[in-house]
């Protein structure tokens, strides 16, 4: 079982989408053979290891706010265009 406080991480990363994205990216790196920042436990899956790394202070990450905001703006514009087509 993982002892992990996701609420704190969600606040620091501005939402659960960014948390999921961070976990997925770290799992991909681990699968390519990148050395883990924490010791792997016996028979531990990559996703559990990635979550433990993110929860530890060993792994550094930053939130690129500009790219997140651009995606939200693009999505909002696409929704507005779709609604305009229905009228």
C-alpha atoms as a PDB file:
ATOM      1  CA  UNK A   1       0.000   0.000   0.000  1.00  0.00           C
ATOM      2  CA  UNK A   2       1.229   3.505  -0.818  1.00  0.00           C
ATOM      3  CA  UNK A   3       1.161   6.189   1.847  1.00  0.00           C
ATOM      4  CA  UNK A   4       0.617   9.185  -0.440  1.00  0.00           C
ATOM      5  CA  UNK A   5      -1.152  12.520   0.094  1.00  0.00           C
ATOM      6  CA  UNK A   6      -2.582  13.339  -3.317  1.00  0.00           C
ATOM      7  CA  UNK A   7      -4.432  16.468  -2.126  1.00  0.00           C
ATOM      8  CA  UNK A   8      -1.197  18.294  -1.358  1.00  0.00           C
ATOM      9  CA  UNK A   9       0.262  17.341  -4.725  1.00  0.00           C
ATOM     10  CA  UNK A  10      -2.904  18.405  -6.572  1.00  0.00           C
ATOM     11  CA  UNK A  11      -2.702  21.849  -5.002  1.00  0.00           C
ATOM     12  CA  UNK A  12       0.952  22.284  -5.891  1.00  0.00           C
ATOM     13  CA  UNK A  13       0.411  21.071  -9.479  1.00  0.00           C
ATOM     14  CA  UNK A  14      -2.896  22.868 -10.084  1.00  0.00           C
ATOM     15  CA  UNK A  15      -5.142  19.829 -10.463  1.00  0.00           C
ATOM     16  CA  UNK A  16      -5.361  16.096 -10.880  1.00  0.00           C
ATOM     17  CA  UNK A  17      -4.766  16.203 -14.644  1.00  0.00           C
ATOM     18  CA  UNK A  18      -1.247  17.509 -14.035  1.00  0.00           C
ATOM     19  CA  UNK A  19      -0.655  14.913 -11.303  1.00  0.00           C
ATOM     20  CA  UNK A  20      -1.663  12.116 -13.684  1.00  0.00           C
ATOM     21  CA  UNK A  21       0.489  13.596 -16.440  1.00  0.00           C
ATOM     22  CA  UNK A  22       3.509  13.746 -14.122  1.00  0.00           C
ATOM     23  CA  UNK A  23       3.028  10.142 -12.992  1.00  0.00           C
ATOM     24  CA  UNK A  24       2.631   8.895 -16.573  1.00  0.00           C
ATOM     25  CA  UNK A  25       5.751  10.719 -17.733  1.00  0.00           C
ATOM     26  CA  UNK A  26       7.803   9.329 -14.845  1.00  0.00           C
ATOM     27  CA  UNK A  27       6.592   5.767 -15.516  1.00  0.00           C
ATOM     28  CA  UNK A  28       7.628   6.149 -19.169  1.00  0.00           C
ATOM     29  CA  UNK A  29      11.098   7.281 -18.099  1.00  0.00           C
ATOM     30  CA  UNK A  30      11.425   4.386 -15.652  1.00  0.00           C
ATOM     31  CA  UNK A  31      10.462   1.926 -18.399  1.00  0.00           C
ATOM     32  CA  UNK A  32      13.253   3.300 -20.614  1.00  0.00           C
ATOM     33  CA  UNK A  33      15.782   2.445 -17.913  1.00  0.00           C
ATOM     34  CA  UNK A  34      16.247   5.721 -16.057  1.00  0.00           C
ATOM     35  CA  UNK A  35      17.632   5.144 -12.583  1.00  0.00           C
ATOM     36  CA  UNK A  36      15.091   5.515  -9.810  1.00  0.00           C
ATOM     37  CA  UNK A  37      15.530   8.280  -7.233  1.00  0.00           C
ATOM     38  CA  UNK A  38      14.296   5.997  -4.436  1.00  0.00           C
ATOM     39  CA  UNK A  39      15.038   2.348  -3.712  1.00  0.00           C
ATOM     40  CA  UNK A  40      12.737  -0.079  -5.494  1.00  0.00           C
ATOM     41  CA  UNK A  41      10.930  -2.461  -3.179  1.00  0.00           C
ATOM     42  CA  UNK A  42      10.584  -6.126  -3.993  1.00  0.00           C
ATOM     43  CA  UNK A  43       8.231  -6.740  -6.977  1.00  0.00           C
ATOM     44  CA  UNK A  44       7.157  -3.087  -7.021  1.00  0.00           C
ATOM     45  CA  UNK A  45       5.416  -1.890 -10.175  1.00  0.00           C
ATOM     46  CA  UNK A  46       6.752   1.152 -12.049  1.00  0.00           C
ATOM     47  CA  UNK A  47       3.653   3.211 -11.304  1.00  0.00           C
ATOM     48  CA  UNK A  48       4.007   2.669  -7.547  1.00  0.00           C
ATOM     49  CA  UNK A  49       7.686   3.539  -7.755  1.00  0.00           C
ATOM     50  CA  UNK A  50       6.885   6.706  -9.734  1.00  0.00           C
ATOM     51  CA  UNK A  51       4.323   7.807  -7.134  1.00  0.00           C
ATOM     52  CA  UNK A  52       6.778   7.191  -4.307  1.00  0.00           C
ATOM     53  CA  UNK A  53       9.430   9.201  -6.181  1.00  0.00           C
ATOM     54  CA  UNK A  54       7.064  12.117  -6.697  1.00  0.00           C
ATOM     55  CA  UNK A  55       6.016  12.007  -3.057  1.00  0.00           C
ATOM     56  CA  UNK A  56       9.655  12.032  -1.914  1.00  0.00           C
ATOM     57  CA  UNK A  57      11.820  15.131  -2.089  1.00  0.00           C
ATOM     58  CA  UNK A  58      14.314  13.360  -4.375  1.00  0.00           C
ATOM     59  CA  UNK A  59      12.486  14.032  -7.660  1.00  0.00           C
ATOM     60  CA  UNK A  60      12.250  17.623  -8.886  1.00  0.00           C
ATOM     61  CA  UNK A  61       9.453  18.813 -11.152  1.00  0.00           C
ATOM     62  CA  UNK A  62       8.040  22.149 -12.281  1.00  0.00           C
ATOM     63  CA  UNK A  63       4.664  23.247 -13.559  1.00  0.00           C
ATOM     64  CA  UNK A  64       4.799  24.952 -16.953  1.00  0.00           C
ATOM     65  CA  UNK A  65       1.815  27.240 -16.500  1.00  0.00           C
ATOM     66  CA  UNK A  66       1.992  28.750 -19.991  1.00  0.00           C
ATOM     67  CA  UNK A  67       1.450  25.432 -21.793  1.00  0.00           C
ATOM     68  CA  UNK A  68      -1.392  24.443 -19.437  1.00  0.00           C
ATOM     69  CA  UNK A  69      -3.165  27.743 -19.982  1.00  0.00           C
ATOM     70  CA  UNK A  70      -2.694  27.583 -23.771  1.00  0.00           C
ATOM     71  CA  UNK A  71      -4.356  24.159 -23.884  1.00  0.00           C
ATOM     72  CA  UNK A  72      -7.280  25.434 -21.830  1.00  0.00           C
ATOM     73  CA  UNK A  73      -7.660  28.429 -24.147  1.00  0.00           C
ATOM     74  CA  UNK A  74      -7.492  26.237 -27.257  1.00  0.00           C
ATOM     75  CA  UNK A  75     -10.079  23.868 -25.782  1.00  0.00           C
ATOM     76  CA  UNK A  76     -12.399  26.753 -24.869  1.00  0.00           C
ATOM     77  CA  UNK A  77     -12.116  28.176 -28.385  1.00  0.00           C
ATOM     78  CA  UNK A  78     -12.905  24.781 -29.924  1.00  0.00           C
ATOM     79  CA  UNK A  79     -15.990  24.420 -27.723  1.00  0.00           C
ATOM     80  CA  UNK A  80     -17.178  27.893 -28.672  1.00  0.00           C
ATOM     81  CA  UNK A  81     -16.677  27.136 -32.373  1.00  0.00           C
ATOM     82  CA  UNK A  82     -18.633  23.872 -32.054  1.00  0.00           C
ATOM     83  CA  UNK A  83     -21.526  25.658 -30.368  1.00  0.00           C
ATOM     84  CA  UNK A  84     -21.537  28.283 -33.094  1.00  0.00           C
ATOM     85  CA  UNK A  85     -21.930  25.630 -35.765  1.00  0.00           C
ATOM     86  CA  UNK A  86     -25.119  24.276 -34.173  1.00  0.00           C
ATOM     87  CA  UNK A  87     -26.996  27.575 -34.394  1.00  0.00           C
END
